[in-house]
């Protein structure tokens, strides 16, 4: 499993993220505290507290990690 911190603070960022990730086969989760949703579920994502950064987890994919990483790159949270 690999994980990344994402900034999905706007509707446009959520829509763009889901569009980017939905084309990949595999299992991906978004985590905020104890709450976990399918990263491909726009309704699930909008049920989360998006005022804070969320954790994106790659649970399983078909050896396309580099492609997934490139797709989520615009949504990575900036280090402070």
PDB file of N, CA and C in Angstrom:
ATOM      1  N   UNK A   1       0.843  -1.180   0.000  1.00  0.00           N
ATOM      2  CA  UNK A   1       0.000   0.000   0.000  1.00  0.00           C
ATOM      3  C   UNK A   1       0.888   1.243   0.000  1.00  0.00           C
ATOM      4  N   UNK A   2       0.494   2.218  -0.801  1.00  0.00           N
ATOM      5  CA  UNK A   2       1.151   3.523  -0.806  1.00  0.00           C
ATOM      6  C   UNK A   2       0.114   4.558  -0.428  1.00  0.00           C
ATOM      7  N   UNK A   3       0.554   5.641   0.219  1.00  0.00           N
ATOM      8  CA  UNK A   3      -0.391   6.691   0.573  1.00  0.00           C
ATOM      9  C   UNK A   3       0.205   8.068   0.292  1.00  0.00           C
ATOM     10  N   UNK A   4      -0.687   9.012   0.038  1.00  0.00           N
ATOM     11  CA  UNK A   4      -0.328  10.387  -0.316  1.00  0.00           C
ATOM     12  C   UNK A   4      -1.326  11.316   0.361  1.00  0.00           C
ATOM     13  N   UNK A   5      -0.921  12.536   0.642  1.00  0.00           N
ATOM     14  CA  UNK A   5      -1.816  13.535   1.206  1.00  0.00           C
ATOM     15  C   UNK A   5      -2.306  14.434   0.080  1.00  0.00           C
ATOM     16  N   UNK A   6      -3.641  14.551  -0.019  1.00  0.00           N
ATOM     17  CA  UNK A   6      -4.256  15.334  -1.087  1.00  0.00           C
ATOM     18  C   UNK A   6      -4.981  16.553  -0.540  1.00  0.00           C
ATOM     19  N   UNK A   7      -5.037  17.582  -1.378  1.00  0.00           N
ATOM     20  CA  UNK A   7      -5.790  18.802  -1.121  1.00  0.00           C
ATOM     21  C   UNK A   7      -6.987  18.789  -2.069  1.00  0.00           C
ATOM     22  N   UNK A   8      -8.164  18.507  -1.543  1.00  0.00           N
ATOM     23  CA  UNK A   8      -9.389  18.473  -2.351  1.00  0.00           C
ATOM     24  C   UNK A   8     -10.398  19.482  -1.801  1.00  0.00           C
ATOM     25  N   UNK A   9      -9.933  20.697  -1.567  1.00  0.00           N
ATOM     26  CA  UNK A   9     -10.742  21.710  -0.890  1.00  0.00           C
ATOM     27  C   UNK A   9     -11.802  22.375  -1.746  1.00  0.00           C
ATOM     28  N   UNK A  10     -11.871  22.097  -3.038  1.00  0.00           N
ATOM     29  CA  UNK A  10     -12.881  22.738  -3.877  1.00  0.00           C
ATOM     30  C   UNK A  10     -13.623  21.702  -4.716  1.00  0.00           C
ATOM     31  N   UNK A  11     -14.792  22.071  -5.158  1.00  0.00           N
ATOM     32  CA  UNK A  11     -15.604  21.191  -6.007  1.00  0.00           C
ATOM     33  C   UNK A  11     -14.843  20.847  -7.277  1.00  0.00           C
ATOM     34  N   UNK A  12     -14.166  21.828  -7.861  1.00  0.00           N
ATOM     35  CA  UNK A  12     -13.423  21.599  -9.098  1.00  0.00           C
ATOM     36  C   UNK A  12     -12.302  20.588  -8.889  1.00  0.00           C
ATOM     37  N   UNK A  13     -11.619  20.670  -7.746  1.00  0.00           N
ATOM     38  CA  UNK A  13     -10.529  19.725  -7.464  1.00  0.00           C
ATOM     39  C   UNK A  13     -11.076  18.310  -7.262  1.00  0.00           C
ATOM     40  N   UNK A  14     -12.207  18.184  -6.596  1.00  0.00           N
ATOM     41  CA  UNK A  14     -12.810  16.859  -6.397  1.00  0.00           C
ATOM     42  C   UNK A  14     -13.209  16.264  -7.739  1.00  0.00           C
ATOM     43  N   UNK A  15     -13.885  17.046  -8.565  1.00  0.00           N
ATOM     44  CA  UNK A  15     -14.304  16.558  -9.890  1.00  0.00           C
ATOM     45  C   UNK A  15     -13.097  16.147 -10.726  1.00  0.00           C
ATOM     46  N   UNK A  16     -12.063  16.970 -10.735  1.00  0.00           N
ATOM     47  CA  UNK A  16     -10.853  16.663 -11.499  1.00  0.00           C
ATOM     48  C   UNK A  16     -10.165  15.413 -10.997  1.00  0.00           C
ATOM     49  N   UNK A  17     -10.093  15.259  -9.671  1.00  0.00           N
ATOM     50  CA  UNK A  17      -9.467  14.075  -9.079  1.00  0.00           C
ATOM     51  C   UNK A  17     -10.224  12.815  -9.465  1.00  0.00           C
ATOM     52  N   UNK A  18     -11.543  12.828  -9.318  1.00  0.00           N
ATOM     53  CA  UNK A  18     -12.338  11.638  -9.652  1.00  0.00           C
ATOM     54  C   UNK A  18     -12.197  11.314 -11.132  1.00  0.00           C
ATOM     55  N   UNK A  19     -12.225  12.307 -11.984  1.00  0.00           N
ATOM     56  CA  UNK A  19     -12.046  12.083 -13.421  1.00  0.00           C
ATOM     57  C   UNK A  19     -10.688  11.450 -13.704  1.00  0.00           C
ATOM     58  N   UNK A  20      -9.652  11.896 -12.994  1.00  0.00           N
ATOM     59  CA  UNK A  20      -8.297  11.369 -13.204  1.00  0.00           C
ATOM     60  C   UNK A  20      -8.154   9.930 -12.729  1.00  0.00           C
ATOM     61  N   UNK A  21      -8.777   9.583 -11.617  1.00  0.00           N
ATOM     62  CA  UNK A  21      -8.547   8.272 -11.000  1.00  0.00           C
ATOM     63  C   UNK A  21      -9.510   7.199 -11.501  1.00  0.00           C
ATOM     64  N   UNK A  22     -10.659   7.594 -12.008  1.00  0.00           N
ATOM     65  CA  UNK A  22     -11.688   6.620 -12.369  1.00  0.00           C
ATOM     66  C   UNK A  22     -11.257   5.720 -13.534  1.00  0.00           C
ATOM     67  N   UNK A  23     -10.315   6.168 -14.328  1.00  0.00           N
ATOM     68  CA  UNK A  23      -9.848   5.372 -15.456  1.00  0.00           C
ATOM     69  C   UNK A  23      -8.909   4.234 -15.085  1.00  0.00           C
ATOM     70  N   UNK A  24      -8.508   4.160 -13.833  1.00  0.00           N
ATOM     71  CA  UNK A  24      -7.574   3.120 -13.409  1.00  0.00           C
ATOM     72  C   UNK A  24      -8.315   1.975 -12.732  1.00  0.00           C
ATOM     73  N   UNK A  25      -7.920   0.759 -13.080  1.00  0.00           N
ATOM     74  CA  UNK A  25      -8.454  -0.399 -12.370  1.00  0.00           C
ATOM     75  C   UNK A  25      -7.658  -0.564 -11.083  1.00  0.00           C
ATOM     76  N   UNK A  26      -8.322  -1.008 -10.064  1.00  0.00           N
ATOM     77  CA  UNK A  26      -7.656  -1.212  -8.782  1.00  0.00           C
ATOM     78  C   UNK A  26      -8.503  -0.671  -7.667  1.00  0.00           C
ATOM     79  N   UNK A  27      -7.948  -0.720  -6.472  1.00  0.00           N
ATOM     80  CA  UNK A  27      -8.661  -0.273  -5.283  1.00  0.00           C
ATOM     81  C   UNK A  27      -7.941   0.922  -4.679  1.00  0.00           C
ATOM     82  N   UNK A  28      -8.690   2.010  -4.508  1.00  0.00           N
ATOM     83  CA  UNK A  28      -8.155   3.262  -3.994  1.00  0.00           C
ATOM     84  C   UNK A  28      -9.115   3.800  -2.937  1.00  0.00           C
ATOM     85  N   UNK A  29      -8.591   4.259  -1.811  1.00  0.00           N
ATOM     86  CA  UNK A  29      -9.410   4.819  -0.742  1.00  0.00           C
ATOM     87  C   UNK A  29      -8.977   6.240  -0.428  1.00  0.00           C
ATOM     88  N   UNK A  30      -9.914   7.016   0.103  1.00  0.00           N
ATOM     89  CA  UNK A  30      -9.616   8.307   0.702  1.00  0.00           C
ATOM     90  C   UNK A  30      -9.956   8.191   2.178  1.00  0.00           C
ATOM     91  N   UNK A  31      -9.076   8.732   3.024  1.00  0.00           N
ATOM     92  CA  UNK A  31      -9.228   8.602   4.468  1.00  0.00           C
ATOM     93  C   UNK A  31      -9.156   9.985   5.106  1.00  0.00           C
ATOM     94  N   UNK A  32     -10.109  10.242   5.999  1.00  0.00           N
ATOM     95  CA  UNK A  32     -10.106  11.457   6.809  1.00  0.00           C
ATOM     96  C   UNK A  32     -10.501  11.035   8.213  1.00  0.00           C
ATOM     97  N   UNK A  33      -9.534  10.996   9.116  1.00  0.00           N
ATOM     98  CA  UNK A  33      -9.795  10.499  10.468  1.00  0.00           C
ATOM     99  C   UNK A  33     -10.163   9.031  10.425  1.00  0.00           C
ATOM    100  N   UNK A  34     -11.312   8.693  10.986  1.00  0.00           N
ATOM    101  CA  UNK A  34     -11.782   7.303  10.977  1.00  0.00           C
ATOM    102  C   UNK A  34     -12.637   6.987   9.763  1.00  0.00           C
ATOM    103  N   UNK A  35     -12.902   7.978   8.923  1.00  0.00           N
ATOM    104  CA  UNK A  35     -13.809   7.852   7.799  1.00  0.00           C
ATOM    105  C   UNK A  35     -13.047   7.432   6.542  1.00  0.00           C
ATOM    106  N   UNK A  36     -13.479   6.357   5.893  1.00  0.00           N
ATOM    107  CA  UNK A  36     -12.828   5.836   4.691  1.00  0.00           C
ATOM    108  C   UNK A  36     -13.880   5.694   3.590  1.00  0.00           C
ATOM    109  N   UNK A  37     -13.572   6.234   2.388  1.00  0.00           N
ATOM    110  CA  UNK A  37     -14.486   6.092   1.246  1.00  0.00           C
ATOM    111  C   UNK A  37     -13.712   5.624   0.020  1.00  0.00           C
ATOM    112  N   UNK A  38     -14.434   5.060  -0.913  1.00  0.00           N
ATOM    113  CA  UNK A  38     -13.870   4.674  -2.209  1.00  0.00           C
ATOM    114  C   UNK A  38     -13.456   5.953  -2.938  1.00  0.00           C
ATOM    115  N   UNK A  39     -12.212   6.038  -3.362  1.00  0.00           N
ATOM    116  CA  UNK A  39     -11.701   7.248  -4.009  1.00  0.00           C
ATOM    117  C   UNK A  39     -12.354   7.522  -5.354  1.00  0.00           C
ATOM    118  N   UNK A  40     -13.043   6.553  -5.921  1.00  0.00           N
ATOM    119  CA  UNK A  40     -13.731   6.741  -7.204  1.00  0.00           C
ATOM    120  C   UNK A  40     -15.171   7.205  -7.028  1.00  0.00           C
ATOM    121  N   UNK A  41     -15.623   7.337  -5.792  1.00  0.00           N
ATOM    122  CA  UNK A  41     -17.006   7.711  -5.492  1.00  0.00           C
ATOM    123  C   UNK A  41     -17.111   9.200  -5.190  1.00  0.00           C
ATOM    124  N   UNK A  42     -17.615   9.960  -6.149  1.00  0.00           N
ATOM    125  CA  UNK A  42     -17.733  11.400  -5.945  1.00  0.00           C
ATOM    126  C   UNK A  42     -18.692  11.702  -4.799  1.00  0.00           C
ATOM    127  N   UNK A  43     -19.756  10.930  -4.668  1.00  0.00           N
ATOM    128  CA  UNK A  43     -20.696  11.140  -3.558  1.00  0.00           C
ATOM    129  C   UNK A  43     -20.018  10.844  -2.218  1.00  0.00           C
ATOM    130  N   UNK A  44     -19.220   9.793  -2.170  1.00  0.00           N
ATOM    131  CA  UNK A  44     -18.492   9.473  -0.952  1.00  0.00           C
ATOM    132  C   UNK A  44     -17.523  10.575  -0.571  1.00  0.00           C
ATOM    133  N   UNK A  45     -16.830  11.111  -1.563  1.00  0.00           N
ATOM    134  CA  UNK A  45     -15.855  12.180  -1.296  1.00  0.00           C
ATOM    135  C   UNK A  45     -16.557  13.421  -0.757  1.00  0.00           C
ATOM    136  N   UNK A  46     -17.695  13.780  -1.352  1.00  0.00           N
ATOM    137  CA  UNK A  46     -18.409  14.970  -0.878  1.00  0.00           C
ATOM    138  C   UNK A  46     -19.023  14.777   0.502  1.00  0.00           C
ATOM    139  N   UNK A  47     -19.080  13.550   0.997  1.00  0.00           N
ATOM    140  CA  UNK A  47     -19.579  13.325   2.349  1.00  0.00           C
ATOM    141  C   UNK A  47     -18.473  13.509   3.392  1.00  0.00           C
ATOM    142  N   UNK A  48     -17.239  13.719   2.940  1.00  0.00           N
ATOM    143  CA  UNK A  48     -16.097  13.879   3.840  1.00  0.00           C
ATOM    144  C   UNK A  48     -15.903  15.346   4.214  1.00  0.00           C
ATOM    145  N   UNK A  49     -15.135  15.577   5.264  1.00  0.00           N
ATOM    146  CA  UNK A  49     -14.732  16.929   5.658  1.00  0.00           C
ATOM    147  C   UNK A  49     -13.568  17.338   4.764  1.00  0.00           C
ATOM    148  N   UNK A  50     -13.857  18.120   3.737  1.00  0.00           N
ATOM    149  CA  UNK A  50     -12.817  18.512   2.782  1.00  0.00           C
ATOM    150  C   UNK A  50     -12.138  19.824   3.150  1.00  0.00           C
ATOM    151  N   UNK A  51     -12.444  20.343   4.329  1.00  0.00           N
ATOM    152  CA  UNK A  51     -11.740  21.542   4.775  1.00  0.00           C
ATOM    153  C   UNK A  51     -10.323  21.195   5.229  1.00  0.00           C
ATOM    154  N   UNK A  52     -10.086  19.884   5.429  1.00  0.00           N
ATOM    155  CA  UNK A  52      -8.752  19.396   5.799  1.00  0.00           C
ATOM    156  C   UNK A  52      -8.247  18.510   4.663  1.00  0.00           C
ATOM    157  N   UNK A  53      -6.940  18.329   4.618  1.00  0.00           N
ATOM    158  CA  UNK A  53      -6.367  17.420   3.633  1.00  0.00           C
ATOM    159  C   UNK A  53      -6.809  15.996   3.936  1.00  0.00           C
ATOM    160  N   UNK A  54      -6.844  15.160   2.898  1.00  0.00           N
ATOM    161  CA  UNK A  54      -7.233  13.763   3.055  1.00  0.00           C
ATOM    162  C   UNK A  54      -6.090  12.860   2.603  1.00  0.00           C
ATOM    163  N   UNK A  55      -6.110  11.650   3.093  1.00  0.00           N
ATOM    164  CA  UNK A  55      -5.083  10.671   2.716  1.00  0.00           C
ATOM    165  C   UNK A  55      -5.628   9.809   1.581  1.00  0.00           C
ATOM    166  N   UNK A  56      -4.853   9.678   0.518  1.00  0.00           N
ATOM    167  CA  UNK A  56      -5.197   8.826  -0.622  1.00  0.00           C
ATOM    168  C   UNK A  56      -4.366   7.561  -0.509  1.00  0.00           C
ATOM    169  N   UNK A  57      -5.031   6.410  -0.518  1.00  0.00           N
ATOM    170  CA  UNK A  57      -4.330   5.135  -0.400  1.00  0.00           C
ATOM    171  C   UNK A  57      -4.514   4.308  -1.665  1.00  0.00           C
ATOM    172  N   UNK A  58      -3.406   3.843  -2.204  1.00  0.00           N
ATOM    173  CA  UNK A  58      -3.435   2.892  -3.311  1.00  0.00           C
ATOM    174  C   UNK A  58      -3.339   1.516  -2.668  1.00  0.00           C
ATOM    175  N   UNK A  59      -4.431   0.785  -2.698  1.00  0.00           N
ATOM    176  CA  UNK A  59      -4.460  -0.522  -2.064  1.00  0.00           C
ATOM    177  C   UNK A  59      -4.003  -1.616  -3.015  1.00  0.00           C
ATOM    178  N   UNK A  60      -4.469  -1.520  -4.254  1.00  0.00           N
ATOM    179  CA  UNK A  60      -4.109  -2.529  -5.250  1.00  0.00           C
ATOM    180  C   UNK A  60      -4.325  -1.932  -6.634  1.00  0.00           C
ATOM    181  N   UNK A  61      -3.356  -2.133  -7.512  1.00  0.00           N
ATOM    182  CA  UNK A  61      -3.478  -1.688  -8.892  1.00  0.00           C
ATOM    183  C   UNK A  61      -2.649  -2.608  -9.767  1.00  0.00           C
ATOM    184  N   UNK A  62      -2.830  -2.515 -11.057  1.00  0.00           N
ATOM    185  CA  UNK A  62      -2.154  -3.402 -12.008  1.00  0.00           C
ATOM    186  C   UNK A  62      -0.784  -2.871 -12.418  1.00  0.00           C
ATOM    187  N   UNK A  63       0.123  -2.716 -11.474  1.00  0.00           N
ATOM    188  CA  UNK A  63       1.489  -2.260 -11.747  1.00  0.00           C
ATOM    189  C   UNK A  63       1.534  -0.957 -12.539  1.00  0.00           C
ATOM    190  N   UNK A  64       0.566  -0.089 -12.313  1.00  0.00           N
ATOM    191  CA  UNK A  64       0.524   1.206 -12.996  1.00  0.00           C
ATOM    192  C   UNK A  64       0.687   2.338 -11.989  1.00  0.00           C
ATOM    193  N   UNK A  65       1.472   2.080 -10.963  1.00  0.00           N
ATOM    194  CA  UNK A  65       1.665   3.062  -9.887  1.00  0.00           C
ATOM    195  C   UNK A  65       2.163   4.393 -10.443  1.00  0.00           C
ATOM    196  N   UNK A  66       3.121   4.361 -11.353  1.00  0.00           N
ATOM    197  CA  UNK A  66       3.673   5.601 -11.909  1.00  0.00           C
ATOM    198  C   UNK A  66       2.594   6.407 -12.627  1.00  0.00           C
ATOM    199  N   UNK A  67       1.704   5.737 -13.329  1.00  0.00           N
ATOM    200  CA  UNK A  67       0.626   6.433 -14.027  1.00  0.00           C
ATOM    201  C   UNK A  67      -0.377   7.025 -13.037  1.00  0.00           C
ATOM    202  N   UNK A  68      -0.687   6.293 -11.988  1.00  0.00           N
ATOM    203  CA  UNK A  68      -1.598   6.798 -10.956  1.00  0.00           C
ATOM    204  C   UNK A  68      -0.962   8.000 -10.271  1.00  0.00           C
ATOM    205  N   UNK A  69       0.326   7.903  -9.943  1.00  0.00           N
ATOM    206  CA  UNK A  69       1.029   9.021  -9.298  1.00  0.00           C
ATOM    207  C   UNK A  69       1.011  10.264 -10.183  1.00  0.00           C
ATOM    208  N   UNK A  70       1.196  10.093 -11.479  1.00  0.00           N
ATOM    209  CA  UNK A  70       1.149  11.233 -12.397  1.00  0.00           C
ATOM    210  C   UNK A  70      -0.253  11.834 -12.453  1.00  0.00           C
ATOM    211  N   UNK A  71      -1.265  10.986 -12.411  1.00  0.00           N
ATOM    212  CA  UNK A  71      -2.647  11.466 -12.477  1.00  0.00           C
ATOM    213  C   UNK A  71      -3.044  12.253 -11.234  1.00  0.00           C
ATOM    214  N   UNK A  72      -2.519  11.869 -10.068  1.00  0.00           N
ATOM    215  CA  UNK A  72      -2.895  12.570  -8.834  1.00  0.00           C
ATOM    216  C   UNK A  72      -1.962  13.724  -8.487  1.00  0.00           C
ATOM    217  N   UNK A  73      -0.889  13.878  -9.216  1.00  0.00           N
ATOM    218  CA  UNK A  73       0.109  14.918  -8.918  1.00  0.00           C
ATOM    219  C   UNK A  73      -0.494  16.318  -8.744  1.00  0.00           C
ATOM    220  N   UNK A  74      -1.444  16.737  -9.587  1.00  0.00           N
ATOM    221  CA  UNK A  74      -2.013  18.088  -9.397  1.00  0.00           C
ATOM    222  C   UNK A  74      -2.794  18.261  -8.102  1.00  0.00           C
ATOM    223  N   UNK A  75      -3.136  17.170  -7.433  1.00  0.00           N
ATOM    224  CA  UNK A  75      -3.980  17.218  -6.253  1.00  0.00           C
ATOM    225  C   UNK A  75      -3.214  16.983  -4.959  1.00  0.00           C
ATOM    226  N   UNK A  76      -1.911  16.786  -5.057  1.00  0.00           N
ATOM    227  CA  UNK A  76      -1.088  16.568  -3.859  1.00  0.00           C
ATOM    228  C   UNK A  76      -1.061  17.825  -3.014  1.00  0.00           C
ATOM    229  N   UNK A  77      -1.140  17.638  -1.706  1.00  0.00           N
ATOM    230  CA  UNK A  77      -1.083  18.774  -0.774  1.00  0.00           C
ATOM    231  C   UNK A  77       0.344  19.310  -0.743  1.00  0.00           C
ATOM    232  N   UNK A  78       0.452  20.606  -0.646  1.00  0.00           N
ATOM    233  CA  UNK A  78       1.756  21.250  -0.567  1.00  0.00           C
ATOM    234  C   UNK A  78       2.300  21.114   0.840  1.00  0.00           C
ATOM    235  N   UNK A  79       3.588  20.821   0.955  1.00  0.00           N
ATOM    236  CA  UNK A  79       4.234  20.752   2.273  1.00  0.00           C
ATOM    237  C   UNK A  79       4.304  22.141   2.860  1.00  0.00           C
ATOM    238  N   UNK A  80       4.066  22.233   4.164  1.00  0.00           N
ATOM    239  CA  UNK A  80       4.138  23.546   4.836  1.00  0.00           C
ATOM    240  C   UNK A  80       5.316  23.614   5.740  1.00  0.00           C
TER     241      UNK A  80
END
